[in-house]
Amino acid sequence: MKNNKGFIELNNVTDYWEKLLHDYDELKKSDEDAYKAFNFFVTAYHLLDWIFEGKYPEERTKLNNIPLLKICSHIANGIKHFEPIRHDAVKEVEKEGVYEEVVYEEGIYERPIIIHLDDDFITGIGNSIRISDLADKVIEFWKKELSDRDLI
């Protein structure tokens, strides 16, 4: 860490964006993997910290109130602290899929992680979404946001 800023190759918002893309690629390979999902959403939410570096609290708060980022916050911080701590965007996170042991074959059966949103939480994406589809929306959001700010 140089001057207590960053972490090895992660020194600026562009580096952190590249980390988000890496985490995204890993999640897309297996949307059943809770570790990969958690890594993606922690990185996605905390990109806010890298953009603002403690400055412009009003602008950060405005972005933080975007429904998609509220979902990221709920996953990243709620899971880290064992419960939702800021809002109730996410009702439940689960793996869906049912199989009978006699017909189960390795590599055939999928159990993707599904995010169920609170009924009162308006997002434009419905009440439930596969985690890889949610990740697609998060990447689209950040790509536009960072491009509009001339950060990537």
C-alpha atoms as a PDB file:
ATOM      1  CA  MET A   1       0.000   0.000   0.000  1.00  0.00           C
ATOM      2  CA  LYS A   2       1.539   3.267  -1.097  1.00  0.00           C
ATOM      3  CA  ASN A   3       0.750   6.211   1.202  1.00  0.00           C
ATOM      4  CA  ASN A   4      -2.024   4.110   2.788  1.00  0.00           C
ATOM      5  CA  LYS A   5      -4.062   4.386  -0.408  1.00  0.00           C
ATOM      6  CA  GLY A   6      -5.292   1.372  -2.281  1.00  0.00           C
ATOM      7  CA  PHE A   7      -4.211  -2.228  -2.051  1.00  0.00           C
ATOM      8  CA  ILE A   8      -1.379  -3.540  -4.239  1.00  0.00           C
ATOM      9  CA  GLU A   9      -2.780  -3.238  -7.814  1.00  0.00           C
ATOM     10  CA  LEU A  10      -5.982  -1.561  -6.610  1.00  0.00           C
ATOM     11  CA  ASN A  11      -5.028   2.101  -6.482  1.00  0.00           C
ATOM     12  CA  ASN A  12      -7.827   4.025  -8.173  1.00  0.00           C
ATOM     13  CA  VAL A  13     -11.404   3.784  -9.386  1.00  0.00           C
ATOM     14  CA  THR A  14     -10.354   2.291 -12.738  1.00  0.00           C
ATOM     15  CA  ASP A  15      -8.508  -0.518 -10.956  1.00  0.00           C
ATOM     16  CA  TYR A  16     -11.546  -1.140  -8.780  1.00  0.00           C
ATOM     17  CA  TRP A  17     -13.783  -1.217 -11.883  1.00  0.00           C
ATOM     18  CA  GLU A  18     -11.466  -3.876 -13.325  1.00  0.00           C
ATOM     19  CA  LYS A  19     -11.868  -5.836 -10.083  1.00  0.00           C
ATOM     20  CA  LEU A  20     -15.650  -5.599 -10.447  1.00  0.00           C
ATOM     21  CA  LEU A  21     -15.377  -6.951 -14.012  1.00  0.00           C
ATOM     22  CA  HIS A  22     -13.194  -9.800 -12.718  1.00  0.00           C
ATOM     23  CA  ASP A  23     -15.719 -10.625  -9.983  1.00  0.00           C
ATOM     24  CA  TYR A  24     -18.500 -10.425 -12.590  1.00  0.00           C
ATOM     25  CA  ASP A  25     -16.739 -12.903 -14.883  1.00  0.00           C
ATOM     26  CA  GLU A  26     -16.300 -15.285 -11.956  1.00  0.00           C
ATOM     27  CA  LEU A  27     -19.964 -15.014 -10.947  1.00  0.00           C
ATOM     28  CA  LYS A  28     -21.142 -15.579 -14.526  1.00  0.00           C
ATOM     29  CA  LYS A  29     -19.173 -18.850 -14.607  1.00  0.00           C
ATOM     30  CA  SER A  30     -21.215 -20.152 -11.679  1.00  0.00           C
ATOM     31  CA  ASP A  31     -24.255 -18.324 -10.379  1.00  0.00           C
ATOM     32  CA  GLU A  32     -24.610 -21.033  -7.743  1.00  0.00           C
ATOM     33  CA  ASP A  33     -21.464 -20.000  -5.887  1.00  0.00           C
ATOM     34  CA  ALA A  34     -22.254 -17.871  -2.824  1.00  0.00           C
ATOM     35  CA  TYR A  35     -18.587 -16.837  -2.452  1.00  0.00           C
ATOM     36  CA  LYS A  36     -18.464 -15.431  -5.977  1.00  0.00           C
ATOM     37  CA  ALA A  37     -21.832 -13.714  -5.572  1.00  0.00           C
ATOM     38  CA  PHE A  38     -20.811 -12.127  -2.275  1.00  0.00           C
ATOM     39  CA  ASN A  39     -17.489 -10.911  -3.727  1.00  0.00           C
ATOM     40  CA  PHE A  40     -19.271  -9.338  -6.692  1.00  0.00           C
ATOM     41  CA  PHE A  41     -21.863  -7.464  -4.639  1.00  0.00           C
ATOM     42  CA  VAL A  42     -19.364  -6.234  -2.036  1.00  0.00           C
ATOM     43  CA  THR A  43     -17.195  -4.850  -4.838  1.00  0.00           C
ATOM     44  CA  ALA A  44     -20.210  -3.421  -6.694  1.00  0.00           C
ATOM     45  CA  TYR A  45     -21.514  -1.590  -3.655  1.00  0.00           C
ATOM     46  CA  HIS A  46     -18.165  -0.281  -2.428  1.00  0.00           C
ATOM     47  CA  LEU A  47     -17.304   1.183  -5.819  1.00  0.00           C
ATOM     48  CA  LEU A  48     -19.108   4.221  -4.349  1.00  0.00           C
ATOM     49  CA  ASP A  49     -16.249   4.618  -1.870  1.00  0.00           C
ATOM     50  CA  TRP A  50     -13.682   4.616  -4.653  1.00  0.00           C
ATOM     51  CA  ILE A  51     -15.564   7.186  -6.723  1.00  0.00           C
ATOM     52  CA  PHE A  52     -16.059   9.712  -3.954  1.00  0.00           C
ATOM     53  CA  GLU A  53     -13.090   9.002  -1.635  1.00  0.00           C
ATOM     54  CA  GLY A  54     -14.950  10.585   1.276  1.00  0.00           C
ATOM     55  CA  LYS A  55     -15.907  13.690  -0.723  1.00  0.00           C
ATOM     56  CA  TYR A  56     -19.277  14.925  -2.001  1.00  0.00           C
ATOM     57  CA  PRO A  57     -21.525  13.245   0.601  1.00  0.00           C
ATOM     58  CA  GLU A  58     -24.744  14.579  -0.964  1.00  0.00           C
ATOM     59  CA  GLU A  59     -23.904  13.133  -4.369  1.00  0.00           C
ATOM     60  CA  ARG A  60     -22.873   9.806  -2.793  1.00  0.00           C
ATOM     61  CA  THR A  61     -26.152   9.677  -0.866  1.00  0.00           C
ATOM     62  CA  LYS A  62     -28.083  10.340  -4.074  1.00  0.00           C
ATOM     63  CA  LEU A  63     -26.379   7.387  -5.799  1.00  0.00           C
ATOM     64  CA  ASN A  64     -26.738   5.229  -2.708  1.00  0.00           C
ATOM     65  CA  ASN A  65     -30.527   5.687  -2.923  1.00  0.00           C
ATOM     66  CA  ILE A  66     -30.778   4.174  -6.403  1.00  0.00           C
ATOM     67  CA  PRO A  67     -32.770   0.921  -6.035  1.00  0.00           C
ATOM     68  CA  LEU A  68     -30.110  -1.214  -7.729  1.00  0.00           C
ATOM     69  CA  LEU A  69     -27.443   0.022  -5.318  1.00  0.00           C
ATOM     70  CA  LYS A  70     -29.781  -0.476  -2.368  1.00  0.00           C
ATOM     71  CA  ILE A  71     -29.982  -4.130  -3.383  1.00  0.00           C
ATOM     72  CA  CYS A  72     -26.163  -4.283  -3.594  1.00  0.00           C
ATOM     73  CA  SER A  73     -25.905  -2.645  -0.176  1.00  0.00           C
ATOM     74  CA  HIS A  74     -28.405  -5.043   1.315  1.00  0.00           C
ATOM     75  CA  ILE A  75     -26.480  -8.039   0.005  1.00  0.00           C
ATOM     76  CA  ALA A  76     -22.999  -6.690   0.801  1.00  0.00           C
ATOM     77  CA  ASN A  77     -23.692  -5.171   4.200  1.00  0.00           C
ATOM     78  CA  GLY A  78     -26.706  -7.148   5.319  1.00  0.00           C
ATOM     79  CA  ILE A  79     -24.997 -10.476   4.856  1.00  0.00           C
ATOM     80  CA  LYS A  80     -21.751  -9.206   6.348  1.00  0.00           C
ATOM     81  CA  HIS A  81     -23.634  -8.129   9.478  1.00  0.00           C
ATOM     82  CA  PHE A  82     -26.019 -11.137   9.422  1.00  0.00           C
ATOM     83  CA  GLU A  83     -29.090  -8.957   8.888  1.00  0.00           C
ATOM     84  CA  PRO A  84     -30.266  -6.025   6.772  1.00  0.00           C
ATOM     85  CA  ILE A  85     -28.898  -2.889   8.376  1.00  0.00           C
ATOM     86  CA  ARG A  86     -30.051  -0.024   6.153  1.00  0.00           C
ATOM     87  CA  HIS A  87     -33.238  -1.009   4.376  1.00  0.00           C
ATOM     88  CA  ASP A  88     -35.315  -3.993   3.436  1.00  0.00           C
ATOM     89  CA  ALA A  89     -34.754  -4.204  -0.311  1.00  0.00           C
ATOM     90  CA  VAL A  90     -34.153  -7.938  -0.290  1.00  0.00           C
ATOM     91  CA  LYS A  91     -36.709 -10.245   1.276  1.00  0.00           C
ATOM     92  CA  GLU A  92     -34.799 -13.482   0.791  1.00  0.00           C
ATOM     93  CA  VAL A  93     -31.769 -14.969  -0.953  1.00  0.00           C
ATOM     94  CA  GLU A  94     -31.956 -18.651  -1.807  1.00  0.00           C
ATOM     95  CA  LYS A  95     -30.829 -21.338  -4.173  1.00  0.00           C
ATOM     96  CA  GLU A  96     -33.704 -22.644  -6.236  1.00  0.00           C
ATOM     97  CA  GLY A  97     -33.998 -26.062  -7.755  1.00  0.00           C
ATOM     98  CA  VAL A  98     -35.362 -29.431  -6.884  1.00  0.00           C
ATOM     99  CA  TYR A  99     -34.117 -32.828  -7.924  1.00  0.00           C
ATOM    100  CA  GLU A 100     -34.721 -36.425  -7.090  1.00  0.00           C
ATOM    101  CA  GLU A 101     -31.608 -38.197  -5.904  1.00  0.00           C
ATOM    102  CA  VAL A 102     -32.167 -41.085  -8.325  1.00  0.00           C
ATOM    103  CA  VAL A 103     -32.028 -38.782 -11.377  1.00  0.00           C
ATOM    104  CA  TYR A 104     -29.357 -36.347 -10.212  1.00  0.00           C
ATOM    105  CA  GLU A 105     -26.212 -36.203 -12.350  1.00  0.00           C
ATOM    106  CA  GLU A 106     -23.201 -34.006 -11.649  1.00  0.00           C
ATOM    107  CA  GLY A 107     -23.060 -31.034 -14.016  1.00  0.00           C
ATOM    108  CA  ILE A 108     -26.692 -31.432 -15.133  1.00  0.00           C
ATOM    109  CA  TYR A 109     -28.622 -29.969 -12.244  1.00  0.00           C
ATOM    110  CA  GLU A 110     -28.536 -26.216 -11.550  1.00  0.00           C
ATOM    111  CA  ARG A 111     -29.277 -24.416  -8.297  1.00  0.00           C
ATOM    112  CA  PRO A 112     -28.867 -20.725  -9.151  1.00  0.00           C
ATOM    113  CA  ILE A 113     -29.005 -18.092  -6.447  1.00  0.00           C
ATOM    114  CA  ILE A 114     -32.272 -16.167  -6.636  1.00  0.00           C
ATOM    115  CA  ILE A 115     -32.882 -12.779  -5.029  1.00  0.00           C
ATOM    116  CA  HIS A 116     -36.451 -12.180  -3.847  1.00  0.00           C
ATOM    117  CA  LEU A 117     -37.184  -8.496  -3.399  1.00  0.00           C
ATOM    118  CA  ASP A 118     -39.498  -6.955  -0.864  1.00  0.00           C
ATOM    119  CA  ASP A 119     -42.995  -6.429  -2.294  1.00  0.00           C
ATOM    120  CA  ASP A 120     -42.868  -2.709  -1.516  1.00  0.00           C
ATOM    121  CA  PHE A 121     -39.469  -2.233  -3.141  1.00  0.00           C
ATOM    122  CA  ILE A 122     -39.945  -0.791  -6.622  1.00  0.00           C
ATOM    123  CA  THR A 123     -37.054  -1.654  -8.928  1.00  0.00           C
ATOM    124  CA  GLY A 124     -38.483  -2.330 -12.371  1.00  0.00           C
ATOM    125  CA  ILE A 125     -36.983  -5.833 -12.306  1.00  0.00           C
ATOM    126  CA  GLY A 126     -39.810  -7.766 -10.691  1.00  0.00           C
ATOM    127  CA  ASN A 127     -40.105  -9.542  -7.370  1.00  0.00           C
ATOM    128  CA  SER A 128     -37.438 -12.177  -8.058  1.00  0.00           C
ATOM    129  CA  ILE A 129     -34.305 -12.238 -10.165  1.00  0.00           C
ATOM    130  CA  ARG A 130     -31.510 -14.717 -10.812  1.00  0.00           C
ATOM    131  CA  ILE A 131     -28.291 -13.391  -9.320  1.00  0.00           C
ATOM    132  CA  SER A 132     -26.441 -13.475 -12.657  1.00  0.00           C
ATOM    133  CA  ASP A 133     -29.207 -11.359 -14.250  1.00  0.00           C
ATOM    134  CA  LEU A 134     -28.982  -8.890 -11.377  1.00  0.00           C
ATOM    135  CA  ALA A 135     -25.210  -8.759 -11.869  1.00  0.00           C
ATOM    136  CA  ASP A 136     -25.788  -7.906 -15.565  1.00  0.00           C
ATOM    137  CA  LYS A 137     -27.887  -4.902 -14.503  1.00  0.00           C
ATOM    138  CA  VAL A 138     -25.284  -3.800 -11.962  1.00  0.00           C
ATOM    139  CA  ILE A 139     -22.518  -3.910 -14.580  1.00  0.00           C
ATOM    140  CA  GLU A 140     -24.671  -1.920 -17.047  1.00  0.00           C
ATOM    141  CA  PHE A 141     -25.369   0.673 -14.350  1.00  0.00           C
ATOM    142  CA  TRP A 142     -21.743   1.109 -13.294  1.00  0.00           C
ATOM    143  CA  LYS A 143     -20.432   1.141 -16.867  1.00  0.00           C
ATOM    144  CA  LYS A 144     -22.736   4.047 -17.722  1.00  0.00           C
ATOM    145  CA  GLU A 145     -22.156   5.857 -14.419  1.00  0.00           C
ATOM    146  CA  LEU A 146     -18.359   5.615 -14.650  1.00  0.00           C
ATOM    147  CA  SER A 147     -18.349   6.549 -18.341  1.00  0.00           C
ATOM    148  CA  ASP A 148     -20.556   9.582 -17.684  1.00  0.00           C
ATOM    149  CA  ARG A 149     -18.047  10.674 -15.017  1.00  0.00           C
ATOM    150  CA  ASP A 150     -15.094  10.086 -17.416  1.00  0.00           C
ATOM    151  CA  LEU A 151     -13.621   7.560 -14.974  1.00  0.00           C
ATOM    152  CA  ILE A 152     -13.311   4.698 -17.461  1.00  0.00           C
END
